[in-house]
């Protein structure tokens, strides 16, 4: 049988009854504030400083990242601005070149138009002159007929006929002179093969050599164009005619 004292948990050793204390782990056992307070305070302070350092480093990192991002944006803006300026400069050069090209075309076109206008005016003037020359050339034989008629009437004493013929001759001749007709009648002048045709020579030592002695048929010109050369006789056997410069010095 079991001893009641043993069952009660008393220790029979030494004759004393001593209670056996069995340690019990309890998470809810209160901790002495005096024993733990001095140990936990430095630890909490250390944690706070670390957190502050981490936050500070994070802020510095964030600021550095923001600065770096700002620098990148600024560099990108500078690159874009440079590219835009280069593109604008190239476009300006292109526009200036096109403007210079159009200006050159305008100047050349204007010069060509002025040249064309002057050429047309000259052409019209020449056309009118040729038309007049043709008409006058066709009327020259009529002037010759009038002259021969007057000469015949004067030689045969037909005075009444002479006055009428002379009036018609003068009227026709004056009309042609108004249109630019000029008579070539070089009697006593130096022979000019461009305006006269020598049909005979006459010995005359008193006159300069190659002087027009007589005009058989008058010549006519309009402006610088000879419509008909005069038919003349030319002297020979006289002294040589001096050059025009020598003649002017003697005068």
C-alpha atoms as a PDB file:
ATOM      1  CA  UNK A   1       0.000   0.000   0.000  1.00  0.00           C
ATOM      2  CA  UNK A   2       1.131   3.399  -0.665  1.00  0.00           C
ATOM      3  CA  UNK A   3       2.334   5.652   2.086  1.00  0.00           C
ATOM      4  CA  UNK A   4       0.031   8.592   2.552  1.00  0.00           C
ATOM      5  CA  UNK A   5       2.934  10.881   3.153  1.00  0.00           C
ATOM      6  CA  UNK A   6       4.534   9.806  -0.042  1.00  0.00           C
ATOM      7  CA  UNK A   7       1.361  10.511  -1.826  1.00  0.00           C
ATOM      8  CA  UNK A   8       1.145  13.972  -0.427  1.00  0.00           C
ATOM      9  CA  UNK A   9       4.405  14.958  -2.022  1.00  0.00           C
ATOM     10  CA  UNK A  10       6.432  15.368   1.166  1.00  0.00           C
ATOM     11  CA  UNK A  11      10.088  14.444   1.064  1.00  0.00           C
ATOM     12  CA  UNK A  12      10.810  11.987   3.814  1.00  0.00           C
ATOM     13  CA  UNK A  13      14.543  12.481   3.544  1.00  0.00           C
ATOM     14  CA  UNK A  14      16.165  13.910   6.707  1.00  0.00           C
ATOM     15  CA  UNK A  15      13.033  13.550   8.567  1.00  0.00           C
ATOM     16  CA  UNK A  16      11.735  16.815   7.274  1.00  0.00           C
ATOM     17  CA  UNK A  17       8.980  17.378   5.044  1.00  0.00           C
ATOM     18  CA  UNK A  18      10.116  19.705   2.306  1.00  0.00           C
ATOM     19  CA  UNK A  19       7.983  20.795  -0.566  1.00  0.00           C
ATOM     20  CA  UNK A  20       9.289  20.039  -4.071  1.00  0.00           C
ATOM     21  CA  UNK A  21       9.148  23.123  -6.310  1.00  0.00           C
ATOM     22  CA  UNK A  22       8.589  22.233  -9.957  1.00  0.00           C
ATOM     23  CA  UNK A  23       9.498  25.032 -12.324  1.00  0.00           C
ATOM     24  CA  UNK A  24       6.661  25.967 -14.670  1.00  0.00           C
ATOM     25  CA  UNK A  25       7.316  27.949 -17.869  1.00  0.00           C
ATOM     26  CA  UNK A  26       4.651  30.480 -18.423  1.00  0.00           C
ATOM     27  CA  UNK A  27       4.780  33.080 -21.154  1.00  0.00           C
ATOM     28  CA  UNK A  28       2.534  35.284 -19.090  1.00  0.00           C
ATOM     29  CA  UNK A  29       4.888  35.447 -16.137  1.00  0.00           C
ATOM     30  CA  UNK A  30       5.483  39.108 -15.357  1.00  0.00           C
ATOM     31  CA  UNK A  31       9.000  40.388 -15.822  1.00  0.00           C
ATOM     32  CA  UNK A  32      10.558  42.657 -13.320  1.00  0.00           C
ATOM     33  CA  UNK A  33      10.621  46.184 -14.787  1.00  0.00           C
ATOM     34  CA  UNK A  34      13.623  47.088 -12.739  1.00  0.00           C
ATOM     35  CA  UNK A  35      15.668  44.239 -14.103  1.00  0.00           C
ATOM     36  CA  UNK A  36      14.712  44.736 -17.792  1.00  0.00           C
ATOM     37  CA  UNK A  37      14.199  48.488 -18.142  1.00  0.00           C
ATOM     38  CA  UNK A  38      17.868  49.392 -18.161  1.00  0.00           C
ATOM     39  CA  UNK A  39      18.680  46.793 -20.817  1.00  0.00           C
ATOM     40  CA  UNK A  40      15.887  47.606 -23.328  1.00  0.00           C
ATOM     41  CA  UNK A  41      16.290  51.439 -23.423  1.00  0.00           C
ATOM     42  CA  UNK A  42      19.607  51.493 -25.285  1.00  0.00           C
ATOM     43  CA  UNK A  43      18.310  48.913 -27.717  1.00  0.00           C
ATOM     44  CA  UNK A  44      15.245  51.050 -28.544  1.00  0.00           C
ATOM     45  CA  UNK A  45      17.438  54.118 -29.003  1.00  0.00           C
ATOM     46  CA  UNK A  46      19.733  52.181 -31.352  1.00  0.00           C
ATOM     47  CA  UNK A  47      16.775  51.037 -33.441  1.00  0.00           C
ATOM     48  CA  UNK A  48      15.526  54.588 -33.715  1.00  0.00           C
ATOM     49  CA  UNK A  49      18.909  55.861 -34.925  1.00  0.00           C
ATOM     50  CA  UNK A  50      19.157  53.080 -37.520  1.00  0.00           C
ATOM     51  CA  UNK A  51      15.685  53.839 -38.780  1.00  0.00           C
ATOM     52  CA  UNK A  52      16.604  57.530 -39.003  1.00  0.00           C
ATOM     53  CA  UNK A  53      19.771  56.686 -40.920  1.00  0.00           C
ATOM     54  CA  UNK A  54      17.825  54.431 -43.261  1.00  0.00           C
ATOM     55  CA  UNK A  55      15.205  57.132 -43.812  1.00  0.00           C
ATOM     56  CA  UNK A  56      17.940  59.744 -44.341  1.00  0.00           C
ATOM     57  CA  UNK A  57      19.763  57.513 -46.800  1.00  0.00           C
ATOM     58  CA  UNK A  58      16.483  56.822 -48.584  1.00  0.00           C
ATOM     59  CA  UNK A  59      15.764  60.547 -48.775  1.00  0.00           C
ATOM     60  CA  UNK A  60      19.281  61.264 -50.028  1.00  0.00           C
ATOM     61  CA  UNK A  61      18.946  58.475 -52.577  1.00  0.00           C
ATOM     62  CA  UNK A  62      15.572  59.822 -53.646  1.00  0.00           C
ATOM     63  CA  UNK A  63      17.010  63.342 -53.915  1.00  0.00           C
ATOM     64  CA  UNK A  64      20.002  62.066 -55.878  1.00  0.00           C
ATOM     65  CA  UNK A  65      17.695  60.110 -58.158  1.00  0.00           C
ATOM     66  CA  UNK A  66      15.524  63.194 -58.627  1.00  0.00           C
ATOM     67  CA  UNK A  67      18.611  65.300 -59.368  1.00  0.00           C
ATOM     68  CA  UNK A  68      19.917  62.690 -61.770  1.00  0.00           C
ATOM     69  CA  UNK A  69      16.518  62.495 -63.441  1.00  0.00           C
ATOM     70  CA  UNK A  70      16.453  66.291 -63.681  1.00  0.00           C
ATOM     71  CA  UNK A  71      19.931  66.291 -65.226  1.00  0.00           C
ATOM     72  CA  UNK A  72      18.834  63.693 -67.764  1.00  0.00           C
ATOM     73  CA  UNK A  73      15.759  65.750 -68.609  1.00  0.00           C
ATOM     74  CA  UNK A  74      17.877  68.896 -68.948  1.00  0.00           C
ATOM     75  CA  UNK A  75      20.354  67.090 -71.199  1.00  0.00           C
ATOM     76  CA  UNK A  76      17.500  65.700 -73.272  1.00  0.00           C
ATOM     77  CA  UNK A  77      16.005  69.185 -73.575  1.00  0.00           C
ATOM     78  CA  UNK A  78      19.382  70.587 -74.627  1.00  0.00           C
ATOM     79  CA  UNK A  79      19.785  67.847 -77.234  1.00  0.00           C
ATOM     80  CA  UNK A  80      16.274  68.496 -78.540  1.00  0.00           C
ATOM     81  CA  UNK A  81      16.896  72.247 -78.572  1.00  0.00           C
ATOM     82  CA  UNK A  82      20.170  71.789 -80.472  1.00  0.00           C
ATOM     83  CA  UNK A  83      18.481  69.460 -82.936  1.00  0.00           C
ATOM     84  CA  UNK A  84      15.624  71.926 -83.396  1.00  0.00           C
ATOM     85  CA  UNK A  85      18.078  74.797 -83.948  1.00  0.00           C
ATOM     86  CA  UNK A  86      20.056  72.765 -86.482  1.00  0.00           C
ATOM     87  CA  UNK A  87      16.874  71.774 -88.287  1.00  0.00           C
ATOM     88  CA  UNK A  88      15.682  75.390 -88.278  1.00  0.00           C
ATOM     89  CA  UNK A  89      19.079  76.575 -89.573  1.00  0.00           C
ATOM     90  CA  UNK A  90      19.030  73.987 -92.371  1.00  0.00           C
ATOM     91  CA  UNK A  91      15.450  74.920 -93.256  1.00  0.00           C
ATOM     92  CA  UNK A  92      16.411  78.615 -93.275  1.00  0.00           C
ATOM     93  CA  UNK A  93      19.342  77.911 -95.597  1.00  0.00           C
ATOM     94  CA  UNK A  94      17.052  75.934 -97.866  1.00  0.00           C
ATOM     95  CA  UNK A  95      14.450  78.711 -97.942  1.00  0.00           C
ATOM     96  CA  UNK A  96      17.132  81.345 -98.567  1.00  0.00           C
ATOM     97  CA  UNK A  97      18.575  79.278-101.427  1.00  0.00           C
ATOM     98  CA  UNK A  98      15.108  78.867-102.966  1.00  0.00           C
ATOM     99  CA  UNK A  99      14.438  82.594-102.577  1.00  0.00           C
ATOM    100  CA  UNK A 100      17.777  83.445-104.229  1.00  0.00           C
ATOM    101  CA  UNK A 101      16.999  81.016-107.055  1.00  0.00           C
ATOM    102  CA  UNK A 102      13.564  82.545-107.647  1.00  0.00           C
ATOM    103  CA  UNK A 103      15.035  86.044-107.519  1.00  0.00           C
ATOM    104  CA  UNK A 104      17.641  85.071-110.100  1.00  0.00           C
ATOM    105  CA  UNK A 105      14.927  83.571-112.302  1.00  0.00           C
ATOM    106  CA  UNK A 106      12.852  86.759-111.952  1.00  0.00           C
ATOM    107  CA  UNK A 107      15.806  88.982-112.862  1.00  0.00           C
ATOM    108  CA  UNK A 108      16.646  86.862-115.901  1.00  0.00           C
ATOM    109  CA  UNK A 109      13.003  86.702-116.969  1.00  0.00           C
ATOM    110  CA  UNK A 110      12.670  90.466-116.605  1.00  0.00           C
ATOM    111  CA  UNK A 111      15.844  91.011-118.651  1.00  0.00           C
ATOM    112  CA  UNK A 112      14.628  88.592-121.317  1.00  0.00           C
ATOM    113  CA  UNK A 113      11.265  90.385-121.433  1.00  0.00           C
ATOM    114  CA  UNK A 114      12.975  93.773-121.860  1.00  0.00           C
ATOM    115  CA  UNK A 115      15.175  92.342-124.598  1.00  0.00           C
ATOM    116  CA  UNK A 116      12.167  90.806-126.327  1.00  0.00           C
ATOM    117  CA  UNK A 117      10.212  94.075-126.107  1.00  0.00           C
ATOM    118  CA  UNK A 118      13.092  96.089-127.565  1.00  0.00           C
ATOM    119  CA  UNK A 119      13.582  93.507-130.285  1.00  0.00           C
ATOM    120  CA  UNK A 120       9.905  93.625-131.197  1.00  0.00           C
ATOM    121  CA  UNK A 121       9.953  97.429-131.371  1.00  0.00           C
ATOM    122  CA  UNK A 122      13.007  97.327-133.603  1.00  0.00           C
ATOM    123  CA  UNK A 123      11.428  94.604-135.701  1.00  0.00           C
ATOM    124  CA  UNK A 124       8.252  96.632-136.150  1.00  0.00           C
ATOM    125  CA  UNK A 125      10.290  99.683-137.068  1.00  0.00           C
ATOM    126  CA  UNK A 126      12.286  97.672-139.580  1.00  0.00           C
ATOM    127  CA  UNK A 127       9.112  96.177-141.023  1.00  0.00           C
ATOM    128  CA  UNK A 128       7.609  99.638-141.536  1.00  0.00           C
ATOM    129  CA  UNK A 129      10.866 100.867-143.054  1.00  0.00           C
ATOM    130  CA  UNK A 130      10.971  97.920-145.473  1.00  0.00           C
ATOM    131  CA  UNK A 131       7.374  98.488-146.449  1.00  0.00           C
ATOM    132  CA  UNK A 132       8.099 102.165-147.088  1.00  0.00           C
ATOM    133  CA  UNK A 133      11.267 101.324-148.973  1.00  0.00           C
ATOM    134  CA  UNK A 134       9.368  98.969-151.228  1.00  0.00           C
ATOM    135  CA  UNK A 135       6.729 101.578-151.966  1.00  0.00           C
ATOM    136  CA  UNK A 136       9.281 104.309-152.644  1.00  0.00           C
ATOM    137  CA  UNK A 137      11.343 101.986-154.815  1.00  0.00           C
ATOM    138  CA  UNK A 138       8.292 101.375-156.948  1.00  0.00           C
ATOM    139  CA  UNK A 139       7.652 105.129-157.252  1.00  0.00           C
ATOM    140  CA  UNK A 140      11.206 106.112-158.233  1.00  0.00           C
ATOM    141  CA  UNK A 141      10.685 105.273-161.930  1.00  0.00           C
ATOM    142  CA  UNK A 142       7.666 107.610-161.889  1.00  0.00           C
ATOM    143  CA  UNK A 143       9.920 110.412-160.641  1.00  0.00           C
ATOM    144  CA  UNK A 144      12.257 109.648-163.533  1.00  0.00           C
ATOM    145  CA  UNK A 145       9.380 109.887-165.969  1.00  0.00           C
ATOM    146  CA  UNK A 146       8.396 113.255-164.559  1.00  0.00           C
ATOM    147  CA  UNK A 147      11.936 114.551-164.939  1.00  0.00           C
ATOM    148  CA  UNK A 148      12.172 113.350-168.524  1.00  0.00           C
ATOM    149  CA  UNK A 149       8.789 114.867-169.321  1.00  0.00           C
ATOM    150  CA  UNK A 150       9.849 118.235-167.885  1.00  0.00           C
ATOM    151  CA  UNK A 151      13.128 118.132-169.767  1.00  0.00           C
ATOM    152  CA  UNK A 152      11.353 117.312-173.030  1.00  0.00           C
ATOM    153  CA  UNK A 153       8.758 120.051-172.533  1.00  0.00           C
ATOM    154  CA  UNK A 154      11.419 122.645-171.793  1.00  0.00           C
ATOM    155  CA  UNK A 155      13.411 121.592-174.842  1.00  0.00           C
ATOM    156  CA  UNK A 156      10.398 121.836-177.147  1.00  0.00           C
ATOM    157  CA  UNK A 157       8.867 125.026-175.777  1.00  0.00           C
ATOM    158  CA  UNK A 158       5.735 123.523-174.339  1.00  0.00           C
ATOM    159  CA  UNK A 159       5.453 125.876-171.387  1.00  0.00           C
ATOM    160  CA  UNK A 160       1.814 125.134-170.543  1.00  0.00           C
ATOM    161  CA  UNK A 161       2.548 121.473-170.046  1.00  0.00           C
ATOM    162  CA  UNK A 162       5.639 122.138-167.967  1.00  0.00           C
ATOM    163  CA  UNK A 163       3.827 123.967-165.164  1.00  0.00           C
ATOM    164  CA  UNK A 164       1.300 121.167-164.588  1.00  0.00           C
ATOM    165  CA  UNK A 165       3.875 118.422-164.716  1.00  0.00           C
ATOM    166  CA  UNK A 166       6.194 120.274-162.367  1.00  0.00           C
ATOM    167  CA  UNK A 167       3.382 120.740-159.842  1.00  0.00           C
ATOM    168  CA  UNK A 168       2.608 117.000-159.811  1.00  0.00           C
ATOM    169  CA  UNK A 169       6.300 116.117-159.669  1.00  0.00           C
ATOM    170  CA  UNK A 170       6.930 118.443-156.720  1.00  0.00           C
ATOM    171  CA  UNK A 171       3.924 117.149-154.808  1.00  0.00           C
ATOM    172  CA  UNK A 172       4.940 113.516-155.245  1.00  0.00           C
ATOM    173  CA  UNK A 173       8.576 114.196-154.404  1.00  0.00           C
ATOM    174  CA  UNK A 174       7.710 116.132-151.227  1.00  0.00           C
ATOM    175  CA  UNK A 175       5.455 113.289-150.078  1.00  0.00           C
ATOM    176  CA  UNK A 176       8.278 110.768-150.494  1.00  0.00           C
ATOM    177  CA  UNK A 177      10.760 113.028-148.711  1.00  0.00           C
ATOM    178  CA  UNK A 178       8.451 113.111-145.712  1.00  0.00           C
ATOM    179  CA  UNK A 179       8.708 109.316-145.576  1.00  0.00           C
ATOM    180  CA  UNK A 180      12.519 109.543-145.469  1.00  0.00           C
ATOM    181  CA  UNK A 181      13.533 109.561-149.132  1.00  0.00           C
ATOM    182  CA  UNK A 182      16.830 111.308-149.917  1.00  0.00           C
ATOM    183  CA  UNK A 183      18.278 112.180-153.316  1.00  0.00           C
ATOM    184  CA  UNK A 184      21.816 111.056-154.200  1.00  0.00           C
ATOM    185  CA  UNK A 185      23.255 113.745-156.475  1.00  0.00           C
ATOM    186  CA  UNK A 186      27.050 113.796-155.887  1.00  0.00           C
ATOM    187  CA  UNK A 187      28.145 116.290-158.570  1.00  0.00           C
ATOM    188  CA  UNK A 188      31.575 117.717-157.642  1.00  0.00           C
ATOM    189  CA  UNK A 189      32.009 115.285-154.755  1.00  0.00           C
ATOM    190  CA  UNK A 190      34.457 112.417-154.367  1.00  0.00           C
ATOM    191  CA  UNK A 191      33.313 109.286-156.087  1.00  0.00           C
ATOM    192  CA  UNK A 192      31.704 106.825-153.643  1.00  0.00           C
ATOM    193  CA  UNK A 193      31.176 103.378-155.093  1.00  0.00           C
ATOM    194  CA  UNK A 194      28.604 102.604-152.391  1.00  0.00           C
ATOM    195  CA  UNK A 195      26.236 105.324-153.623  1.00  0.00           C
ATOM    196  CA  UNK A 196      27.135 105.787-157.275  1.00  0.00           C
ATOM    197  CA  UNK A 197      27.920 103.762-160.324  1.00  0.00           C
ATOM    198  CA  UNK A 198      30.543 105.125-162.730  1.00  0.00           C
ATOM    199  CA  UNK A 199      29.413 104.641-166.322  1.00  0.00           C
ATOM    200  CA  UNK A 200      32.193 106.706-167.951  1.00  0.00           C
ATOM    201  CA  UNK A 201      35.367 108.694-167.219  1.00  0.00           C
ATOM    202  CA  UNK A 202      36.236 112.263-168.207  1.00  0.00           C
ATOM    203  CA  UNK A 203      39.787 113.684-168.510  1.00  0.00           C
ATOM    204  CA  UNK A 204      40.043 116.786-166.330  1.00  0.00           C
ATOM    205  CA  UNK A 205      43.373 117.826-164.820  1.00  0.00           C
ATOM    206  CA  UNK A 206      41.822 120.787-163.002  1.00  0.00           C
ATOM    207  CA  UNK A 207      39.769 118.586-160.652  1.00  0.00           C
ATOM    208  CA  UNK A 208      40.879 115.998-158.169  1.00  0.00           C
ATOM    209  CA  UNK A 209      41.122 112.523-159.523  1.00  0.00           C
ATOM    210  CA  UNK A 210      37.908 110.469-159.213  1.00  0.00           C
ATOM    211  CA  UNK A 211      35.582 113.395-158.824  1.00  0.00           C
ATOM    212  CA  UNK A 212      31.964 113.043-159.979  1.00  0.00           C
ATOM    213  CA  UNK A 213      31.736 115.192-163.103  1.00  0.00           C
ATOM    214  CA  UNK A 214      28.143 114.554-164.172  1.00  0.00           C
ATOM    215  CA  UNK A 215      25.089 112.668-162.917  1.00  0.00           C
ATOM    216  CA  UNK A 216      23.187 110.861-165.642  1.00  0.00           C
ATOM    217  CA  UNK A 217      20.586 109.474-163.275  1.00  0.00           C
ATOM    218  CA  UNK A 218      19.976 110.496-159.691  1.00  0.00           C
ATOM    219  CA  UNK A 219      20.201 107.968-156.889  1.00  0.00           C
ATOM    220  CA  UNK A 220      17.955 107.582-153.863  1.00  0.00           C
ATOM    221  CA  UNK A 221      18.367 106.279-150.310  1.00  0.00           C
ATOM    222  CA  UNK A 222      16.299 105.912-147.173  1.00  0.00           C
ATOM    223  CA  UNK A 223      18.280 106.111-143.981  1.00  0.00           C
ATOM    224  CA  UNK A 224      21.436 104.084-144.444  1.00  0.00           C
ATOM    225  CA  UNK A 225      20.025 101.949-147.257  1.00  0.00           C
ATOM    226  CA  UNK A 226      20.678 102.887-150.868  1.00  0.00           C
ATOM    227  CA  UNK A 227      17.535 102.206-152.878  1.00  0.00           C
ATOM    228  CA  UNK A 228      19.205 103.027-156.156  1.00  0.00           C
ATOM    229  CA  UNK A 229      22.764 104.105-156.900  1.00  0.00           C
ATOM    230  CA  UNK A 230      23.342 107.221-159.002  1.00  0.00           C
ATOM    231  CA  UNK A 231      24.739 106.810-162.516  1.00  0.00           C
ATOM    232  CA  UNK A 232      27.706 109.194-162.916  1.00  0.00           C
ATOM    233  CA  UNK A 233      30.848 110.049-164.859  1.00  0.00           C
ATOM    234  CA  UNK A 234      34.190 110.354-163.010  1.00  0.00           C
ATOM    235  CA  UNK A 235      37.201 112.587-163.732  1.00  0.00           C
ATOM    236  CA  UNK A 236      40.692 111.273-164.298  1.00  0.00           C
ATOM    237  CA  UNK A 237      44.148 112.820-164.789  1.00  0.00           C
ATOM    238  CA  UNK A 238      43.951 115.306-161.912  1.00  0.00           C
ATOM    239  CA  UNK A 239      45.877 115.412-158.636  1.00  0.00           C
ATOM    240  CA  UNK A 240      45.161 112.897-155.933  1.00  0.00           C
ATOM    241  CA  UNK A 241      42.464 113.944-153.545  1.00  0.00           C
ATOM    242  CA  UNK A 242      43.901 114.577-150.040  1.00  0.00           C
ATOM    243  CA  UNK A 243      42.710 112.508-147.142  1.00  0.00           C
ATOM    244  CA  UNK A 244      39.780 113.919-145.141  1.00  0.00           C
ATOM    245  CA  UNK A 245      42.024 114.718-142.122  1.00  0.00           C
ATOM    246  CA  UNK A 246      44.466 116.673-144.300  1.00  0.00           C
ATOM    247  CA  UNK A 247      41.585 118.604-145.853  1.00  0.00           C
ATOM    248  CA  UNK A 248      40.254 119.586-142.401  1.00  0.00           C
ATOM    249  CA  UNK A 249      43.718 120.818-141.314  1.00  0.00           C
ATOM    250  CA  UNK A 250      44.017 122.985-144.448  1.00  0.00           C
ATOM    251  CA  UNK A 251      40.606 124.527-143.758  1.00  0.00           C
END
